[in-house]
Every structure is written in C-alpha cells, then in structure tokens.
Amino acid sequence: MADAVFSAVGRRKTSVARVRITSGAGEVLINKKPLEKFFGRAVLHIEVKRPFEITETSGTFNVHANVNGGGITGQAGAIRHGISRALLLVNPEYRPALKKAGLLRRDPRMKERKKYGQKGARARFQFSKR
C-alpha cells in the first residue's frame, strides 16, 4: 500500500468533491487549504473526519480534496461521502461499519424547485376572497 493513491467522488446537495487519500499523518487539504482554514466551524471538521473515526484509521491517511458547488454544509457532506468511498477502496472490510453509520449513502435531499404561479416551492401568494 506504499504510496498508493485512492480516489473517489462524493456528492451532497449541489456540491461535488473529488477526494484522493494516501498513506500519511492525517493531513487534510481542501482546495489546497488546511481543513481548519477552509471550514471555520468545528462541527464541519468533525463531520469530515467521521469516516476515519468509525474505521479507526485516524491519523493514517492524508486527504486531498477538490470541492465545488453548494454551500459549506453541502461541501463538508460531499467530502465525507468521498472519503468514505475511498476508504472502501483501501479496505473492503470497512464496508459494514461505514454502512451502519450511513456514510456510504448519497444524501438524496435536494432543494425543491420553485413552482410557477407561486411564491416558492411550497409557499403560495396570500389568498384574498374580496
């Protein structure tokens, strides 16, 4: 496994993350920035590192991710999905743990489109009887 690169794509909402993991000291770079600089919120740091905690591989892989589209929460979810898929390529035995945690499933929730003749996806213009 020396110097092997495992690549995967993760998606959430309108975000797409191309993730590469290599053996290393646990360095996470997103769009060439460290994880802490790219995501200001600690909750998102935890979310991105969750696949490593579940598979008990924290600090054994370096992550290089390119992510675009969507907002910060969607991007963090996409990176998490990509890391989970890449870990499966490293060792297929991680599958039961990752699947139980729900990290292999692409989150299908998307923004609902605005409908014509309405104010939004569900919101209507106020009805006036008179």
N, C-alpha and C. Protein backbone atom coordinates (compact mmCIF):
# COMPACT_ATOMS: atom_id res chain seq x y z
N MET A 1 0.82 -1.20 0.00
CA MET A 1 0.00 0.00 0.00
C MET A 1 0.86 1.26 0.00
N ALA A 2 2.18 1.11 -0.05
CA ALA A 2 3.06 2.26 -0.01
C ALA A 2 2.84 3.17 -1.21
N ASP A 3 2.61 4.44 -0.94
CA ASP A 3 2.41 5.47 -1.96
C ASP A 3 1.23 5.21 -2.89
N ALA A 4 0.30 4.38 -2.47
CA ALA A 4 -0.90 4.14 -3.27
C ALA A 4 -1.86 5.30 -3.08
N VAL A 5 -2.52 5.69 -4.17
CA VAL A 5 -3.50 6.78 -4.12
C VAL A 5 -4.87 6.20 -4.42
N PHE A 6 -5.82 6.49 -3.55
CA PHE A 6 -7.18 6.00 -3.72
C PHE A 6 -8.08 7.21 -3.96
N SER A 7 -8.79 7.20 -5.08
CA SER A 7 -9.63 8.33 -5.47
C SER A 7 -11.10 7.95 -5.46
N ALA A 8 -11.93 8.92 -5.07
CA ALA A 8 -13.38 8.70 -5.10
C ALA A 8 -14.08 10.05 -5.23
N VAL A 9 -15.34 9.99 -5.64
CA VAL A 9 -16.16 11.20 -5.77
C VAL A 9 -17.28 11.14 -4.74
N GLY A 10 -17.49 12.24 -4.03
CA GLY A 10 -18.58 12.33 -3.08
C GLY A 10 -19.50 13.47 -3.48
N ARG A 11 -20.80 13.31 -3.19
CA ARG A 11 -21.76 14.36 -3.54
C ARG A 11 -22.75 14.58 -2.41
N ARG A 12 -23.20 15.83 -2.30
CA ARG A 12 -24.30 16.18 -1.40
C ARG A 12 -24.90 17.48 -1.89
N LYS A 13 -26.22 17.56 -1.94
CA LYS A 13 -26.94 18.72 -2.47
C LYS A 13 -26.37 19.06 -3.85
N THR A 14 -25.81 20.23 -4.05
CA THR A 14 -25.24 20.56 -5.36
C THR A 14 -23.71 20.58 -5.31
N SER A 15 -23.13 20.04 -4.24
CA SER A 15 -21.67 20.01 -4.09
C SER A 15 -21.10 18.71 -4.61
N VAL A 16 -19.94 18.81 -5.25
CA VAL A 16 -19.22 17.63 -5.75
C VAL A 16 -17.80 17.71 -5.23
N ALA A 17 -17.33 16.62 -4.59
CA ALA A 17 -15.98 16.58 -4.05
C ALA A 17 -15.20 15.44 -4.70
N ARG A 18 -14.03 15.77 -5.25
CA ARG A 18 -13.12 14.76 -5.77
C ARG A 18 -12.05 14.57 -4.69
N VAL A 19 -12.01 13.37 -4.12
CA VAL A 19 -11.17 13.10 -2.95
C VAL A 19 -10.08 12.09 -3.30
N ARG A 20 -8.84 12.39 -2.88
CA ARG A 20 -7.72 11.45 -3.01
C ARG A 20 -7.15 11.22 -1.62
N ILE A 21 -7.01 9.94 -1.23
CA ILE A 21 -6.37 9.65 0.05
C ILE A 21 -5.10 8.84 -0.19
N THR A 22 -4.07 9.19 0.59
CA THR A 22 -2.79 8.49 0.54
C THR A 22 -2.37 8.22 1.96
N SER A 23 -1.47 7.26 2.14
CA SER A 23 -0.99 6.99 3.50
C SER A 23 -0.17 8.19 3.97
N GLY A 24 -0.35 8.56 5.23
CA GLY A 24 0.33 9.75 5.76
C GLY A 24 0.00 9.98 7.21
N ALA A 25 0.13 11.23 7.64
CA ALA A 25 -0.01 11.58 9.06
C ALA A 25 -1.37 12.17 9.41
N GLY A 26 -2.32 12.13 8.50
CA GLY A 26 -3.66 12.64 8.81
C GLY A 26 -3.89 14.07 8.39
N GLU A 27 -3.09 14.57 7.44
CA GLU A 27 -3.25 15.94 6.96
C GLU A 27 -4.44 16.01 6.00
N VAL A 28 -5.31 17.00 6.20
CA VAL A 28 -6.49 17.16 5.34
C VAL A 28 -6.40 18.51 4.63
N LEU A 29 -6.29 18.47 3.31
CA LEU A 29 -6.24 19.68 2.49
C LEU A 29 -7.47 19.73 1.59
N ILE A 30 -8.19 20.84 1.65
CA ILE A 30 -9.37 21.02 0.82
C ILE A 30 -9.13 22.24 -0.05
N ASN A 31 -9.17 22.07 -1.36
CA ASN A 31 -8.85 23.14 -2.31
C ASN A 31 -7.53 23.83 -1.94
N LYS A 32 -6.54 23.01 -1.61
CA LYS A 32 -5.17 23.44 -1.25
C LYS A 32 -5.10 24.26 0.04
N LYS A 33 -6.13 24.18 0.88
CA LYS A 33 -6.13 24.86 2.18
C LYS A 33 -6.32 23.82 3.26
N PRO A 34 -5.72 24.02 4.45
CA PRO A 34 -5.96 23.09 5.55
C PRO A 34 -7.44 23.08 5.96
N LEU A 35 -7.88 21.97 6.50
CA LEU A 35 -9.29 21.79 6.89
C LEU A 35 -9.77 22.92 7.80
N GLU A 36 -8.95 23.30 8.78
CA GLU A 36 -9.33 24.33 9.75
C GLU A 36 -9.52 25.70 9.10
N LYS A 37 -8.74 25.98 8.05
CA LYS A 37 -8.87 27.26 7.34
C LYS A 37 -10.07 27.26 6.40
N PHE A 38 -10.31 26.10 5.75
CA PHE A 38 -11.39 26.02 4.76
C PHE A 38 -12.77 26.06 5.42
N PHE A 39 -12.94 25.26 6.48
CA PHE A 39 -14.20 25.26 7.23
C PHE A 39 -13.96 25.90 8.58
N GLY A 40 -14.63 27.02 8.84
CA GLY A 40 -14.44 27.73 10.10
C GLY A 40 -15.10 27.04 11.29
N ARG A 41 -16.20 26.28 11.03
CA ARG A 41 -16.97 25.69 12.11
C ARG A 41 -16.42 24.33 12.52
N ALA A 42 -16.28 24.11 13.82
CA ALA A 42 -15.73 22.86 14.35
C ALA A 42 -16.62 21.66 14.02
N VAL A 43 -17.93 21.90 13.93
CA VAL A 43 -18.88 20.82 13.61
C VAL A 43 -18.54 20.21 12.25
N LEU A 44 -18.13 21.04 11.31
CA LEU A 44 -17.80 20.55 9.97
C LEU A 44 -16.47 19.79 9.97
N HIS A 45 -15.54 20.17 10.86
CA HIS A 45 -14.27 19.44 10.99
C HIS A 45 -14.57 18.02 11.44
N ILE A 46 -15.48 17.90 12.43
CA ILE A 46 -15.84 16.59 12.97
C ILE A 46 -16.52 15.75 11.89
N GLU A 47 -17.40 16.39 11.12
CA GLU A 47 -18.14 15.67 10.07
C GLU A 47 -17.20 15.12 9.01
N VAL A 48 -16.21 15.91 8.60
CA VAL A 48 -15.26 15.47 7.57
C VAL A 48 -14.40 14.31 8.08
N LYS A 49 -14.03 14.33 9.37
CA LYS A 49 -13.14 13.30 9.93
C LYS A 49 -13.88 12.05 10.41
N ARG A 50 -15.21 12.08 10.37
CA ARG A 50 -16.02 10.99 10.91
C ARG A 50 -15.72 9.62 10.29
N PRO A 51 -15.54 9.49 8.96
CA PRO A 51 -15.24 8.16 8.41
C PRO A 51 -13.97 7.54 8.99
N PHE A 52 -12.98 8.38 9.30
CA PHE A 52 -11.73 7.85 9.89
C PHE A 52 -11.96 7.37 11.31
N GLU A 53 -12.81 8.08 12.08
CA GLU A 53 -13.09 7.67 13.45
C GLU A 53 -13.86 6.34 13.47
N ILE A 54 -14.80 6.18 12.55
CA ILE A 54 -15.60 4.95 12.51
C ILE A 54 -14.75 3.75 12.11
N THR A 55 -13.83 3.95 11.16
CA THR A 55 -12.97 2.84 10.71
C THR A 55 -11.69 2.73 11.55
N GLU A 56 -11.57 3.60 12.56
CA GLU A 56 -10.40 3.62 13.46
C GLU A 56 -9.09 3.77 12.69
N THR A 57 -9.10 4.68 11.71
CA THR A 57 -7.90 4.95 10.92
C THR A 57 -7.47 6.41 11.04
N SER A 58 -7.83 7.07 12.14
CA SER A 58 -7.47 8.48 12.32
C SER A 58 -5.96 8.64 12.33
N GLY A 59 -5.46 9.60 11.54
CA GLY A 59 -4.03 9.89 11.51
C GLY A 59 -3.22 8.95 10.64
N THR A 60 -3.86 8.10 9.84
CA THR A 60 -3.10 7.18 8.99
C THR A 60 -3.18 7.54 7.51
N PHE A 61 -4.07 8.48 7.15
CA PHE A 61 -4.22 8.87 5.74
C PHE A 61 -4.20 10.37 5.59
N ASN A 62 -3.57 10.84 4.52
CA ASN A 62 -3.65 12.24 4.12
C ASN A 62 -4.79 12.36 3.11
N VAL A 63 -5.51 13.47 3.19
CA VAL A 63 -6.65 13.69 2.30
C VAL A 63 -6.39 14.94 1.47
N HIS A 64 -6.56 14.82 0.16
CA HIS A 64 -6.53 15.98 -0.74
C HIS A 64 -7.87 15.99 -1.46
N ALA A 65 -8.65 17.04 -1.24
CA ALA A 65 -9.98 17.11 -1.84
C ALA A 65 -10.14 18.39 -2.63
N ASN A 66 -10.78 18.27 -3.78
CA ASN A 66 -11.22 19.44 -4.56
C ASN A 66 -12.73 19.42 -4.51
N VAL A 67 -13.31 20.51 -4.03
CA VAL A 67 -14.77 20.56 -3.88
C VAL A 67 -15.29 21.85 -4.49
N ASN A 68 -16.43 21.75 -5.17
CA ASN A 68 -17.06 22.95 -5.70
C ASN A 68 -18.57 22.78 -5.71
N GLY A 69 -19.27 23.91 -5.77
CA GLY A 69 -20.73 23.90 -5.78
C GLY A 69 -21.30 23.90 -4.39
N GLY A 70 -22.50 24.46 -4.25
CA GLY A 70 -23.22 24.42 -2.98
C GLY A 70 -22.62 25.31 -1.91
N GLY A 71 -23.04 25.08 -0.67
CA GLY A 71 -22.56 25.85 0.48
C GLY A 71 -21.62 25.01 1.31
N ILE A 72 -21.24 25.54 2.48
CA ILE A 72 -20.22 24.85 3.29
C ILE A 72 -20.72 23.53 3.86
N THR A 73 -21.99 23.44 4.25
CA THR A 73 -22.51 22.20 4.81
C THR A 73 -22.56 21.11 3.74
N GLY A 74 -23.03 21.48 2.55
CA GLY A 74 -23.08 20.52 1.45
C GLY A 74 -21.69 20.07 1.04
N GLN A 75 -20.73 20.99 1.06
CA GLN A 75 -19.36 20.64 0.70
C GLN A 75 -18.75 19.69 1.72
N ALA A 76 -19.00 19.93 3.00
CA ALA A 76 -18.48 19.04 4.05
C ALA A 76 -19.09 17.64 3.89
N GLY A 77 -20.38 17.58 3.60
CA GLY A 77 -21.05 16.30 3.39
C GLY A 77 -20.50 15.56 2.17
N ALA A 78 -20.20 16.31 1.12
CA ALA A 78 -19.64 15.70 -0.10
C ALA A 78 -18.25 15.14 0.17
N ILE A 79 -17.44 15.86 0.92
CA ILE A 79 -16.09 15.40 1.25
C ILE A 79 -16.17 14.14 2.11
N ARG A 80 -17.09 14.14 3.08
CA ARG A 80 -17.28 12.98 3.96
C ARG A 80 -17.67 11.75 3.13
N HIS A 81 -18.57 11.95 2.15
CA HIS A 81 -19.02 10.87 1.28
C HIS A 81 -17.85 10.35 0.43
N GLY A 82 -17.03 11.26 -0.10
CA GLY A 82 -15.88 10.87 -0.91
C GLY A 82 -14.84 10.12 -0.11
N ILE A 83 -14.57 10.56 1.12
CA ILE A 83 -13.60 9.87 1.99
C ILE A 83 -14.10 8.46 2.29
N SER A 84 -15.39 8.33 2.58
CA SER A 84 -15.96 7.02 2.89
C SER A 84 -15.80 6.07 1.71
N ARG A 85 -16.08 6.55 0.50
CA ARG A 85 -15.94 5.72 -0.69
C ARG A 85 -14.49 5.34 -0.95
N ALA A 86 -13.57 6.28 -0.70
CA ALA A 86 -12.14 6.00 -0.92
C ALA A 86 -11.63 4.97 0.09
N LEU A 87 -12.12 5.04 1.34
CA LEU A 87 -11.71 4.07 2.36
C LEU A 87 -12.14 2.66 1.98
N LEU A 88 -13.25 2.52 1.28
CA LEU A 88 -13.68 1.20 0.81
C LEU A 88 -12.68 0.61 -0.18
N LEU A 89 -12.07 1.48 -0.99
CA LEU A 89 -11.06 1.02 -1.95
C LEU A 89 -9.80 0.57 -1.22
N VAL A 90 -9.51 1.22 -0.09
CA VAL A 90 -8.34 0.85 0.71
C VAL A 90 -8.56 -0.54 1.31
N ASN A 91 -9.72 -0.73 1.95
CA ASN A 91 -10.02 -2.00 2.61
C ASN A 91 -11.52 -2.25 2.57
N PRO A 92 -11.98 -3.23 1.80
CA PRO A 92 -13.42 -3.52 1.70
C PRO A 92 -14.05 -3.95 3.03
N GLU A 93 -13.23 -4.33 4.01
CA GLU A 93 -13.76 -4.76 5.32
C GLU A 93 -14.33 -3.59 6.11
N TYR A 94 -14.08 -2.36 5.69
CA TYR A 94 -14.65 -1.18 6.37
C TYR A 94 -16.13 -1.00 6.03
N ARG A 95 -16.61 -1.71 5.00
CA ARG A 95 -17.97 -1.52 4.49
C ARG A 95 -19.06 -1.65 5.56
N PRO A 96 -19.10 -2.72 6.37
CA PRO A 96 -20.19 -2.84 7.36
C PRO A 96 -20.26 -1.66 8.33
N ALA A 97 -19.11 -1.22 8.81
CA ALA A 97 -19.08 -0.10 9.78
C ALA A 97 -19.54 1.20 9.13
N LEU A 98 -19.04 1.47 7.93
CA LEU A 98 -19.42 2.71 7.23
C LEU A 98 -20.89 2.69 6.83
N LYS A 99 -21.36 1.51 6.42
CA LYS A 99 -22.75 1.40 6.00
C LYS A 99 -23.69 1.58 7.19
N LYS A 100 -23.32 1.00 8.33
CA LYS A 100 -24.14 1.13 9.54
C LYS A 100 -24.24 2.59 9.98
N ALA A 101 -23.17 3.34 9.80
CA ALA A 101 -23.15 4.77 10.16
C ALA A 101 -23.85 5.63 9.10
N GLY A 102 -24.20 5.04 7.97
CA GLY A 102 -24.91 5.76 6.91
C GLY A 102 -24.02 6.66 6.08
N LEU A 103 -22.73 6.37 6.02
CA LEU A 103 -21.79 7.24 5.31
C LEU A 103 -21.61 6.88 3.84
N LEU A 104 -22.11 5.73 3.43
CA LEU A 104 -21.94 5.33 2.03
C LEU A 104 -23.12 5.78 1.18
N ARG A 105 -24.20 6.18 1.82
CA ARG A 105 -25.40 6.58 1.09
C ARG A 105 -25.29 8.05 0.69
N ARG A 106 -25.54 8.33 -0.56
CA ARG A 106 -25.54 9.72 -1.03
C ARG A 106 -26.82 10.35 -0.52
N ASP A 107 -26.70 11.43 0.23
CA ASP A 107 -27.87 12.09 0.80
C ASP A 107 -28.73 12.64 -0.33
N PRO A 108 -29.95 12.12 -0.52
CA PRO A 108 -30.74 12.50 -1.69
C PRO A 108 -31.48 13.82 -1.55
N ARG A 109 -31.42 14.43 -0.37
CA ARG A 109 -32.21 15.65 -0.15
C ARG A 109 -31.65 16.81 -0.97
N MET A 110 -32.52 17.37 -1.81
CA MET A 110 -32.14 18.49 -2.64
C MET A 110 -33.14 19.62 -2.44
N LYS A 111 -32.76 20.80 -2.87
CA LYS A 111 -33.67 21.93 -2.80
C LYS A 111 -34.81 21.70 -3.79
N GLU A 112 -36.04 21.91 -3.32
CA GLU A 112 -37.21 21.72 -4.18
C GLU A 112 -37.36 22.96 -5.07
N ARG A 113 -37.72 22.73 -6.32
CA ARG A 113 -37.79 23.85 -7.26
C ARG A 113 -39.01 24.73 -6.97
N LYS A 114 -38.85 26.00 -7.32
CA LYS A 114 -39.96 26.95 -7.21
C LYS A 114 -40.98 26.63 -8.29
N LYS A 115 -42.27 26.68 -7.93
CA LYS A 115 -43.32 26.37 -8.89
C LYS A 115 -43.86 27.66 -9.50
N TYR A 116 -44.29 27.59 -10.75
CA TYR A 116 -44.84 28.77 -11.43
C TYR A 116 -46.17 29.16 -10.78
N GLY A 117 -46.45 30.44 -10.75
CA GLY A 117 -47.69 30.94 -10.15
C GLY A 117 -47.68 30.89 -8.64
N GLN A 118 -46.53 30.61 -8.06
CA GLN A 118 -46.41 30.55 -6.60
C GLN A 118 -45.21 31.37 -6.17
N LYS A 119 -45.16 31.60 -4.83
CA LYS A 119 -44.07 32.41 -4.28
C LYS A 119 -42.78 31.60 -4.14
N GLY A 120 -42.93 30.31 -3.90
CA GLY A 120 -41.76 29.45 -3.73
C GLY A 120 -42.12 28.01 -4.03
N ALA A 121 -41.35 27.07 -3.45
CA ALA A 121 -41.60 25.66 -3.69
C ALA A 121 -42.93 25.23 -3.08
N ARG A 122 -43.19 25.66 -1.85
CA ARG A 122 -44.44 25.33 -1.18
C ARG A 122 -45.26 26.58 -0.87
N ALA A 123 -44.58 27.70 -0.66
CA ALA A 123 -45.27 28.94 -0.27
C ALA A 123 -46.15 29.45 -1.40
N ARG A 124 -47.34 29.90 -1.04
CA ARG A 124 -48.27 30.45 -2.03
C ARG A 124 -48.42 31.94 -1.80
N PHE A 125 -48.93 32.64 -2.81
CA PHE A 125 -49.30 34.03 -2.59
C PHE A 125 -50.55 34.04 -1.73
N GLN A 126 -50.71 35.07 -0.91
CA GLN A 126 -51.85 35.14 0.01
C GLN A 126 -53.17 35.21 -0.76
N PHE A 127 -54.12 34.38 -0.34
CA PHE A 127 -55.44 34.34 -1.00
C PHE A 127 -56.32 35.44 -0.45
N SER A 128 -57.01 36.15 -1.34
CA SER A 128 -57.91 37.20 -0.92
C SER A 128 -59.29 36.90 -1.50
N LYS A 129 -60.26 36.73 -0.62
CA LYS A 129 -61.62 36.43 -1.07
C LYS A 129 -62.25 37.66 -1.72
N ARG A 130 -61.94 38.86 -1.20
CA ARG A 130 -62.53 40.11 -1.72
C ARG A 130 -61.45 41.06 -2.19
